[in-house]
Amino acid sequence: MHSELKYLASYPTDIKDKIQLMLDNDTLKTFLLQKYPQPHQIYNDKALREYVMDIKNTYLKKSTPLSQIKYDDKIHVINNALGLHTYVSRVQGNKLKSKNELRVGSVFKVSPEPFLNMIVVHELAHLKEKDHNKAFYKLCEHMLPNYHQLEFELRVYLTQLELKGALYR
C-alpha cells in the first residue's frame, strides 16, 4: 500500500496511512495549498545567491565563503538529492585553491519558500558539519527552529509532485 511513498519510507505507518488516504481522496494538494498558498519569488540564480547569503551572513558569518550559488537542472530528487554542497580543490600555480559551492535542485524554483529555506539551511549547515550527525541537525535547528517539521512537509510535497503533479500552475 505504501510502496509509492518513497519519500516517507522511514516514517511510522500511521503517518503514511494518513498521507495515503489524502492521495486516494485527492485531498493532499488542497491540504498543501491551504498551508502554502503560493510559491516563492526567487526564480533565478542572482536572487537565490542573495537569499542564501542573507541566511549565511545571519548564522554562519565566519564560515568559509561560497564561490557559486545556483539552481541546478542536473540535481534529481530521485537520486536522493535536493541540493548539493560541494567542496572543490584545484591547483593554481603552486597554490591549492578550494571553493565551496551550493546548488539547489531546479525543481524548487517553483515551491513554497519554507521548503527552499529548509534546503538552503541544510546545505549551509554542511559548511560546518560535513556529516548528518547530531551536531549537524542541531545547527539546522538553530538556523531554522522548525527544521524537522519542514523536512517532513517537504517530503509530503515531493510525494504530491511525483504522484499527482505540481501544486502551482
N, C-alpha and C. Protein backbone atom coordinates (compact mmCIF):
# COMPACT_ATOMS: atom_id res chain seq x y z
N MET A 1 0.82 -1.21 0.00
CA MET A 1 0.00 0.00 0.00
C MET A 1 0.86 1.26 0.00
N HIS A 2 1.95 1.27 0.76
CA HIS A 2 2.79 2.45 0.88
C HIS A 2 4.01 2.42 -0.02
N SER A 3 4.08 1.47 -0.93
CA SER A 3 5.28 1.32 -1.74
C SER A 3 5.60 2.58 -2.55
N GLU A 4 4.57 3.35 -2.92
CA GLU A 4 4.81 4.56 -3.71
C GLU A 4 5.20 5.76 -2.86
N LEU A 5 5.22 5.62 -1.55
CA LEU A 5 5.56 6.73 -0.66
C LEU A 5 7.03 6.70 -0.29
N LYS A 6 7.89 6.70 -1.29
CA LYS A 6 9.32 6.53 -1.05
C LYS A 6 9.94 7.66 -0.25
N TYR A 7 9.42 8.87 -0.36
CA TYR A 7 9.97 9.99 0.41
C TYR A 7 9.60 9.91 1.89
N LEU A 8 8.63 9.07 2.19
CA LEU A 8 8.15 8.93 3.57
C LEU A 8 8.44 7.55 4.13
N ALA A 9 9.31 6.81 3.48
CA ALA A 9 9.57 5.40 3.83
C ALA A 9 9.95 5.20 5.29
N SER A 10 10.69 6.12 5.88
CA SER A 10 11.17 5.93 7.26
C SER A 10 10.19 6.43 8.32
N TYR A 11 9.05 6.93 7.90
CA TYR A 11 8.06 7.44 8.87
C TYR A 11 7.14 6.32 9.34
N PRO A 12 6.52 6.52 10.52
CA PRO A 12 5.62 5.49 11.06
C PRO A 12 4.43 5.19 10.14
N THR A 13 3.92 3.99 10.25
CA THR A 13 2.82 3.53 9.40
C THR A 13 1.59 4.42 9.52
N ASP A 14 1.25 4.88 10.72
CA ASP A 14 0.04 5.70 10.87
C ASP A 14 0.16 7.01 10.10
N ILE A 15 1.34 7.59 10.02
CA ILE A 15 1.54 8.82 9.25
C ILE A 15 1.41 8.51 7.76
N LYS A 16 2.04 7.43 7.32
CA LYS A 16 1.94 7.05 5.91
C LYS A 16 0.49 6.73 5.54
N ASP A 17 -0.26 6.13 6.46
CA ASP A 17 -1.68 5.84 6.20
C ASP A 17 -2.46 7.13 5.94
N LYS A 18 -2.18 8.17 6.73
CA LYS A 18 -2.89 9.46 6.56
C LYS A 18 -2.56 10.10 5.22
N ILE A 19 -1.29 10.05 4.85
CA ILE A 19 -0.89 10.63 3.57
C ILE A 19 -1.49 9.82 2.42
N GLN A 20 -1.47 8.50 2.55
CA GLN A 20 -2.04 7.64 1.51
C GLN A 20 -3.54 7.91 1.35
N LEU A 21 -4.25 8.11 2.45
CA LEU A 21 -5.68 8.41 2.39
C LEU A 21 -5.93 9.73 1.66
N MET A 22 -5.10 10.74 1.95
CA MET A 22 -5.23 12.02 1.25
C MET A 22 -4.93 11.86 -0.25
N LEU A 23 -3.96 11.05 -0.59
CA LEU A 23 -3.67 10.78 -2.00
C LEU A 23 -4.86 10.09 -2.67
N ASP A 24 -5.39 9.06 -2.00
CA ASP A 24 -6.52 8.31 -2.55
C ASP A 24 -7.75 9.18 -2.75
N ASN A 25 -7.95 10.14 -1.83
CA ASN A 25 -9.12 11.02 -1.89
C ASN A 25 -8.85 12.32 -2.65
N ASP A 26 -7.67 12.43 -3.23
CA ASP A 26 -7.26 13.66 -3.95
C ASP A 26 -7.40 14.91 -3.10
N THR A 27 -7.01 14.82 -1.82
CA THR A 27 -7.08 15.98 -0.93
C THR A 27 -5.70 16.47 -0.50
N LEU A 28 -4.64 15.78 -0.90
CA LEU A 28 -3.30 16.19 -0.47
C LEU A 28 -2.92 17.55 -1.05
N LYS A 29 -3.24 17.78 -2.30
CA LYS A 29 -2.94 19.08 -2.93
C LYS A 29 -3.65 20.21 -2.21
N THR A 30 -4.91 20.02 -1.89
CA THR A 30 -5.68 21.03 -1.18
C THR A 30 -5.08 21.30 0.19
N PHE A 31 -4.70 20.24 0.89
CA PHE A 31 -4.05 20.37 2.20
C PHE A 31 -2.78 21.21 2.10
N LEU A 32 -1.94 20.90 1.12
CA LEU A 32 -0.68 21.64 0.95
C LEU A 32 -0.93 23.09 0.53
N LEU A 33 -1.89 23.31 -0.35
CA LEU A 33 -2.18 24.67 -0.80
C LEU A 33 -2.76 25.54 0.32
N GLN A 34 -3.50 24.93 1.24
CA GLN A 34 -4.01 25.70 2.38
C GLN A 34 -2.85 26.18 3.26
N LYS A 35 -1.85 25.34 3.41
CA LYS A 35 -0.70 25.69 4.24
C LYS A 35 0.30 26.57 3.48
N TYR A 36 0.44 26.32 2.18
CA TYR A 36 1.41 27.04 1.34
C TYR A 36 0.71 27.53 0.07
N PRO A 37 -0.05 28.62 0.17
CA PRO A 37 -0.89 29.06 -0.96
C PRO A 37 -0.15 29.56 -2.19
N GLN A 38 1.11 29.96 -2.03
CA GLN A 38 1.83 30.45 -3.21
C GLN A 38 3.31 30.11 -3.16
N PRO A 39 3.92 30.05 -4.34
CA PRO A 39 5.36 29.75 -4.39
C PRO A 39 6.18 31.00 -4.05
N HIS A 40 7.46 30.78 -3.76
CA HIS A 40 8.36 31.91 -3.51
C HIS A 40 8.63 32.65 -4.82
N GLN A 41 9.32 33.79 -4.72
CA GLN A 41 9.61 34.62 -5.88
C GLN A 41 11.10 34.60 -6.24
N ILE A 42 11.82 33.59 -5.81
CA ILE A 42 13.27 33.52 -6.02
C ILE A 42 13.51 32.63 -7.24
N TYR A 43 13.35 33.21 -8.42
CA TYR A 43 13.32 32.44 -9.65
C TYR A 43 14.67 32.22 -10.31
N ASN A 44 15.64 33.11 -10.07
CA ASN A 44 16.91 32.99 -10.80
C ASN A 44 18.09 32.86 -9.85
N ASP A 45 19.25 32.60 -10.42
CA ASP A 45 20.45 32.36 -9.62
C ASP A 45 20.88 33.59 -8.82
N LYS A 46 20.69 34.78 -9.39
CA LYS A 46 21.07 36.01 -8.68
C LYS A 46 20.22 36.17 -7.41
N ALA A 47 18.92 35.97 -7.55
CA ALA A 47 18.02 36.08 -6.39
C ALA A 47 18.32 34.98 -5.37
N LEU A 48 18.64 33.79 -5.86
CA LEU A 48 18.99 32.69 -4.97
C LEU A 48 20.26 33.02 -4.20
N ARG A 49 21.25 33.58 -4.86
CA ARG A 49 22.51 33.96 -4.20
C ARG A 49 22.23 34.95 -3.07
N GLU A 50 21.43 35.97 -3.34
CA GLU A 50 21.09 36.96 -2.31
C GLU A 50 20.37 36.30 -1.13
N TYR A 51 19.46 35.42 -1.44
CA TYR A 51 18.70 34.71 -0.42
C TYR A 51 19.62 33.87 0.47
N VAL A 52 20.50 33.09 -0.16
CA VAL A 52 21.42 32.22 0.57
C VAL A 52 22.39 33.06 1.40
N MET A 53 22.92 34.12 0.81
CA MET A 53 23.91 34.94 1.52
C MET A 53 23.29 35.64 2.73
N ASP A 54 22.04 36.02 2.65
CA ASP A 54 21.36 36.62 3.81
C ASP A 54 21.32 35.62 4.97
N ILE A 55 20.98 34.39 4.67
CA ILE A 55 20.92 33.37 5.72
C ILE A 55 22.33 33.06 6.23
N LYS A 56 23.26 32.91 5.32
CA LYS A 56 24.65 32.61 5.71
C LYS A 56 25.21 33.72 6.60
N ASN A 57 24.99 34.98 6.22
CA ASN A 57 25.53 36.10 6.99
C ASN A 57 24.84 36.27 8.34
N THR A 58 23.65 35.75 8.47
CA THR A 58 22.95 35.80 9.75
C THR A 58 23.47 34.74 10.70
N TYR A 59 23.71 33.53 10.22
CA TYR A 59 24.03 32.41 11.10
C TYR A 59 25.47 31.89 10.99
N LEU A 60 26.09 32.05 9.84
CA LEU A 60 27.41 31.44 9.61
C LEU A 60 28.39 32.46 9.04
N LYS A 61 28.40 33.63 9.62
CA LYS A 61 29.20 34.73 9.10
C LYS A 61 30.67 34.37 8.92
N LYS A 62 31.21 33.61 9.87
CA LYS A 62 32.65 33.31 9.84
C LYS A 62 32.98 32.02 9.08
N SER A 63 32.00 31.38 8.50
CA SER A 63 32.27 30.14 7.77
C SER A 63 32.93 30.46 6.43
N THR A 64 33.42 29.43 5.79
CA THR A 64 34.11 29.62 4.52
C THR A 64 33.18 30.24 3.48
N PRO A 65 33.74 31.05 2.59
CA PRO A 65 32.90 31.70 1.57
C PRO A 65 32.37 30.71 0.54
N LEU A 66 31.30 31.11 -0.10
CA LEU A 66 30.71 30.31 -1.18
C LEU A 66 31.06 30.98 -2.50
N SER A 67 31.67 30.23 -3.39
CA SER A 67 32.06 30.82 -4.67
C SER A 67 30.92 30.79 -5.68
N GLN A 68 30.04 29.81 -5.56
CA GLN A 68 28.96 29.70 -6.52
C GLN A 68 27.69 29.23 -5.82
N ILE A 69 26.58 29.89 -6.14
CA ILE A 69 25.27 29.52 -5.61
C ILE A 69 24.32 29.55 -6.80
N LYS A 70 23.66 28.41 -7.06
CA LYS A 70 22.77 28.42 -8.22
C LYS A 70 21.78 27.27 -8.17
N TYR A 71 20.74 27.42 -8.99
CA TYR A 71 19.83 26.31 -9.24
C TYR A 71 20.53 25.38 -10.21
N ASP A 72 20.27 24.09 -10.07
CA ASP A 72 20.97 23.11 -10.91
C ASP A 72 19.96 22.12 -11.48
N ASP A 73 19.87 22.09 -12.81
CA ASP A 73 18.96 21.17 -13.51
C ASP A 73 19.41 19.72 -13.39
N LYS A 74 20.68 19.51 -13.05
CA LYS A 74 21.22 18.15 -13.01
C LYS A 74 20.97 17.44 -11.69
N ILE A 75 20.53 18.19 -10.69
CA ILE A 75 20.22 17.55 -9.41
C ILE A 75 18.84 16.94 -9.53
N HIS A 76 18.77 15.65 -9.29
CA HIS A 76 17.50 14.95 -9.40
C HIS A 76 17.07 14.47 -8.03
N VAL A 77 15.88 14.85 -7.66
CA VAL A 77 15.32 14.44 -6.39
C VAL A 77 15.30 12.91 -6.28
N ILE A 78 15.12 12.27 -7.42
CA ILE A 78 15.07 10.81 -7.45
C ILE A 78 16.38 10.22 -6.90
N ASN A 79 17.49 10.89 -7.13
CA ASN A 79 18.78 10.41 -6.64
C ASN A 79 19.04 10.82 -5.20
N ASN A 80 17.99 11.15 -4.49
CA ASN A 80 18.07 11.48 -3.07
C ASN A 80 18.77 12.79 -2.80
N ALA A 81 18.83 13.69 -3.75
CA ALA A 81 19.46 14.98 -3.52
C ALA A 81 18.45 16.09 -3.81
N LEU A 82 18.36 17.01 -2.88
CA LEU A 82 17.51 18.19 -3.05
C LEU A 82 18.38 19.39 -3.38
N GLY A 83 19.56 19.34 -2.83
CA GLY A 83 20.56 20.37 -3.05
C GLY A 83 21.92 19.72 -2.85
N LEU A 84 22.96 20.46 -3.18
CA LEU A 84 24.30 19.93 -3.00
C LEU A 84 25.22 21.01 -2.47
N HIS A 85 26.06 20.62 -1.56
CA HIS A 85 27.15 21.47 -1.14
C HIS A 85 28.40 20.75 -1.59
N THR A 86 29.20 21.39 -2.44
CA THR A 86 30.40 20.74 -2.92
C THR A 86 31.62 21.56 -2.52
N TYR A 87 32.69 20.86 -2.33
CA TYR A 87 33.96 21.44 -1.96
C TYR A 87 34.94 21.04 -3.04
N VAL A 88 35.38 22.02 -3.81
CA VAL A 88 36.23 21.75 -4.96
C VAL A 88 37.63 22.28 -4.67
N SER A 89 38.64 21.44 -4.85
CA SER A 89 40.04 21.87 -4.70
C SER A 89 40.73 21.82 -6.05
N ARG A 90 41.45 22.89 -6.36
CA ARG A 90 42.18 22.96 -7.61
C ARG A 90 43.58 23.50 -7.35
N VAL A 91 44.52 23.03 -8.12
CA VAL A 91 45.88 23.56 -8.05
C VAL A 91 45.97 24.70 -9.05
N GLN A 92 46.38 25.87 -8.55
CA GLN A 92 46.61 27.02 -9.41
C GLN A 92 48.03 27.50 -9.16
N GLY A 93 48.90 27.23 -10.12
CA GLY A 93 50.32 27.55 -9.92
C GLY A 93 50.88 26.65 -8.83
N ASN A 94 51.45 27.26 -7.81
CA ASN A 94 51.98 26.46 -6.69
C ASN A 94 51.07 26.53 -5.47
N LYS A 95 49.81 26.95 -5.68
CA LYS A 95 48.85 27.06 -4.57
C LYS A 95 47.67 26.13 -4.78
N LEU A 96 47.16 25.67 -3.67
CA LEU A 96 45.95 24.85 -3.69
C LEU A 96 44.77 25.74 -3.35
N LYS A 97 43.87 25.93 -4.28
CA LYS A 97 42.69 26.77 -4.07
C LYS A 97 41.50 25.87 -3.84
N SER A 98 40.69 26.21 -2.85
CA SER A 98 39.47 25.43 -2.62
C SER A 98 38.27 26.36 -2.67
N LYS A 99 37.19 25.84 -3.18
CA LYS A 99 35.96 26.61 -3.34
C LYS A 99 34.78 25.79 -2.83
N ASN A 100 33.87 26.47 -2.19
CA ASN A 100 32.62 25.85 -1.76
C ASN A 100 31.52 26.32 -2.70
N GLU A 101 30.69 25.39 -3.12
CA GLU A 101 29.57 25.71 -3.99
C GLU A 101 28.29 25.18 -3.37
N LEU A 102 27.21 25.90 -3.57
CA LEU A 102 25.90 25.46 -3.09
C LEU A 102 24.95 25.46 -4.27
N ARG A 103 24.33 24.32 -4.50
CA ARG A 103 23.38 24.17 -5.61
C ARG A 103 22.06 23.65 -5.08
N VAL A 104 20.99 24.16 -5.64
CA VAL A 104 19.64 23.75 -5.26
C VAL A 104 18.97 23.17 -6.50
N GLY A 105 18.31 22.04 -6.33
CA GLY A 105 17.60 21.43 -7.45
C GLY A 105 16.61 22.37 -8.09
N SER A 106 16.60 22.44 -9.41
CA SER A 106 15.72 23.36 -10.15
C SER A 106 14.24 23.12 -9.88
N VAL A 107 13.91 21.92 -9.44
CA VAL A 107 12.51 21.62 -9.11
C VAL A 107 11.99 22.58 -8.04
N PHE A 108 12.90 23.20 -7.28
CA PHE A 108 12.49 24.10 -6.20
C PHE A 108 12.41 25.56 -6.63
N LYS A 109 12.53 25.82 -7.94
CA LYS A 109 12.31 27.18 -8.43
C LYS A 109 10.86 27.58 -8.22
N VAL A 110 9.99 26.60 -8.24
CA VAL A 110 8.56 26.85 -8.02
C VAL A 110 8.14 25.95 -6.86
N SER A 111 8.34 26.46 -5.66
CA SER A 111 7.97 25.71 -4.46
C SER A 111 7.68 26.71 -3.35
N PRO A 112 7.08 26.28 -2.27
CA PRO A 112 6.87 27.18 -1.14
C PRO A 112 8.22 27.65 -0.57
N GLU A 113 8.29 28.91 -0.16
CA GLU A 113 9.52 29.47 0.36
C GLU A 113 10.07 28.71 1.56
N PRO A 114 9.22 28.23 2.50
CA PRO A 114 9.78 27.48 3.62
C PRO A 114 10.56 26.23 3.19
N PHE A 115 10.18 25.61 2.08
CA PHE A 115 10.91 24.43 1.60
C PHE A 115 12.27 24.84 1.04
N LEU A 116 12.30 25.92 0.29
CA LEU A 116 13.58 26.43 -0.20
C LEU A 116 14.48 26.79 0.98
N ASN A 117 13.91 27.43 1.97
CA ASN A 117 14.65 27.81 3.18
C ASN A 117 15.25 26.57 3.84
N MET A 118 14.46 25.52 3.98
CA MET A 118 14.93 24.29 4.62
C MET A 118 16.10 23.68 3.85
N ILE A 119 16.01 23.66 2.52
CA ILE A 119 17.08 23.09 1.71
C ILE A 119 18.35 23.93 1.84
N VAL A 120 18.20 25.25 1.81
CA VAL A 120 19.36 26.15 1.93
C VAL A 120 20.02 25.98 3.30
N VAL A 121 19.21 25.94 4.35
CA VAL A 121 19.75 25.74 5.70
C VAL A 121 20.51 24.42 5.78
N HIS A 122 19.94 23.38 5.20
CA HIS A 122 20.58 22.07 5.21
C HIS A 122 21.96 22.14 4.53
N GLU A 123 22.00 22.73 3.36
CA GLU A 123 23.26 22.80 2.62
C GLU A 123 24.26 23.74 3.30
N LEU A 124 23.79 24.83 3.88
CA LEU A 124 24.70 25.73 4.60
C LEU A 124 25.28 25.04 5.84
N ALA A 125 24.49 24.22 6.49
CA ALA A 125 24.99 23.50 7.68
C ALA A 125 26.19 22.62 7.32
N HIS A 126 26.25 22.18 6.07
CA HIS A 126 27.39 21.37 5.64
C HIS A 126 28.70 22.17 5.58
N LEU A 127 28.62 23.49 5.61
CA LEU A 127 29.85 24.29 5.68
C LEU A 127 30.59 24.03 6.98
N LYS A 128 29.83 23.76 8.04
CA LYS A 128 30.44 23.50 9.35
C LYS A 128 30.49 22.02 9.70
N GLU A 129 29.47 21.29 9.33
CA GLU A 129 29.36 19.86 9.67
C GLU A 129 29.20 19.07 8.38
N LYS A 130 30.17 18.26 8.05
CA LYS A 130 30.12 17.51 6.79
C LYS A 130 29.13 16.34 6.84
N ASP A 131 29.01 15.71 8.01
CA ASP A 131 28.17 14.53 8.15
C ASP A 131 26.81 14.88 8.73
N HIS A 132 25.83 14.01 8.47
CA HIS A 132 24.49 14.17 9.06
C HIS A 132 24.51 13.58 10.47
N ASN A 133 25.12 14.28 11.37
CA ASN A 133 25.21 13.81 12.76
C ASN A 133 24.41 14.73 13.68
N LYS A 134 24.51 14.50 14.96
CA LYS A 134 23.74 15.27 15.93
C LYS A 134 24.08 16.77 15.85
N ALA A 135 25.36 17.09 15.73
CA ALA A 135 25.78 18.49 15.63
C ALA A 135 25.21 19.14 14.37
N PHE A 136 25.16 18.39 13.28
CA PHE A 136 24.61 18.90 12.03
C PHE A 136 23.15 19.31 12.22
N TYR A 137 22.35 18.40 12.77
CA TYR A 137 20.92 18.70 12.94
C TYR A 137 20.68 19.76 14.00
N LYS A 138 21.53 19.85 14.97
CA LYS A 138 21.43 20.91 15.98
C LYS A 138 21.67 22.27 15.31
N LEU A 139 22.63 22.34 14.40
CA LEU A 139 22.90 23.57 13.66
C LEU A 139 21.72 23.92 12.75
N CYS A 140 21.15 22.92 12.09
CA CYS A 140 19.97 23.15 11.25
C CYS A 140 18.83 23.74 12.08
N GLU A 141 18.61 23.16 13.25
CA GLU A 141 17.53 23.65 14.12
C GLU A 141 17.83 25.05 14.67
N HIS A 142 19.10 25.36 14.86
CA HIS A 142 19.47 26.71 15.30
C HIS A 142 19.10 27.74 14.23
N MET A 143 19.39 27.40 12.97
CA MET A 143 19.09 28.31 11.87
C MET A 143 17.60 28.32 11.51
N LEU A 144 16.93 27.20 11.75
CA LEU A 144 15.53 27.05 11.37
C LEU A 144 14.85 26.18 12.42
N PRO A 145 14.27 26.80 13.46
CA PRO A 145 13.74 26.03 14.59
C PRO A 145 12.74 24.93 14.23
N ASN A 146 11.97 25.09 13.17
CA ASN A 146 11.01 24.05 12.77
C ASN A 146 11.56 23.20 11.63
N TYR A 147 12.87 23.02 11.60
CA TYR A 147 13.55 22.30 10.53
C TYR A 147 12.94 20.91 10.29
N HIS A 148 12.76 20.13 11.34
CA HIS A 148 12.29 18.75 11.16
C HIS A 148 10.85 18.70 10.64
N GLN A 149 10.01 19.60 11.09
CA GLN A 149 8.64 19.66 10.58
C GLN A 149 8.64 20.01 9.09
N LEU A 150 9.48 20.99 8.72
CA LEU A 150 9.56 21.37 7.31
C LEU A 150 10.14 20.25 6.45
N GLU A 151 11.08 19.50 7.01
CA GLU A 151 11.63 18.37 6.25
C GLU A 151 10.53 17.35 5.97
N PHE A 152 9.69 17.08 6.96
CA PHE A 152 8.58 16.15 6.77
C PHE A 152 7.61 16.69 5.70
N GLU A 153 7.23 17.97 5.84
CA GLU A 153 6.28 18.55 4.90
C GLU A 153 6.86 18.63 3.49
N LEU A 154 8.16 18.83 3.39
CA LEU A 154 8.82 18.80 2.09
C LEU A 154 8.71 17.42 1.47
N ARG A 155 8.85 16.40 2.27
CA ARG A 155 8.71 15.02 1.77
C ARG A 155 7.27 14.77 1.30
N VAL A 156 6.31 15.33 2.00
CA VAL A 156 4.90 15.23 1.57
C VAL A 156 4.71 15.96 0.25
N TYR A 157 5.30 17.14 0.14
CA TYR A 157 5.24 17.93 -1.08
C TYR A 157 5.85 17.16 -2.27
N LEU A 158 7.00 16.54 -2.04
CA LEU A 158 7.65 15.77 -3.11
C LEU A 158 6.79 14.57 -3.53
N THR A 159 6.09 13.99 -2.57
CA THR A 159 5.17 12.89 -2.86
C THR A 159 4.05 13.39 -3.77
N GLN A 160 3.48 14.56 -3.43
CA GLN A 160 2.44 15.18 -4.26
C GLN A 160 2.97 15.43 -5.67
N LEU A 161 4.15 16.04 -5.77
CA LEU A 161 4.73 16.35 -7.09
C LEU A 161 4.87 15.10 -7.95
N GLU A 162 5.41 14.06 -7.35
CA GLU A 162 5.69 12.85 -8.12
C GLU A 162 4.43 12.08 -8.51
N LEU A 163 3.48 12.00 -7.59
CA LEU A 163 2.33 11.12 -7.82
C LEU A 163 1.11 11.83 -8.39
N LYS A 164 0.97 13.12 -8.10
CA LYS A 164 -0.25 13.83 -8.53
C LYS A 164 0.01 15.11 -9.31
N GLY A 165 1.27 15.55 -9.35
CA GLY A 165 1.59 16.75 -10.13
C GLY A 165 1.83 17.98 -9.27
N ALA A 166 2.18 19.06 -9.95
CA ALA A 166 2.59 20.31 -9.30
C ALA A 166 1.44 20.95 -8.53
N LEU A 167 1.81 21.70 -7.49
CA LEU A 167 0.83 22.46 -6.72
C LEU A 167 0.38 23.70 -7.48
N TYR A 168 1.35 24.38 -8.06
CA TYR A 168 1.10 25.68 -8.69
C TYR A 168 1.17 25.52 -10.20
N ARG A 169 0.25 26.14 -10.87
CA ARG A 169 0.23 26.06 -12.34
C ARG A 169 0.37 27.43 -12.92
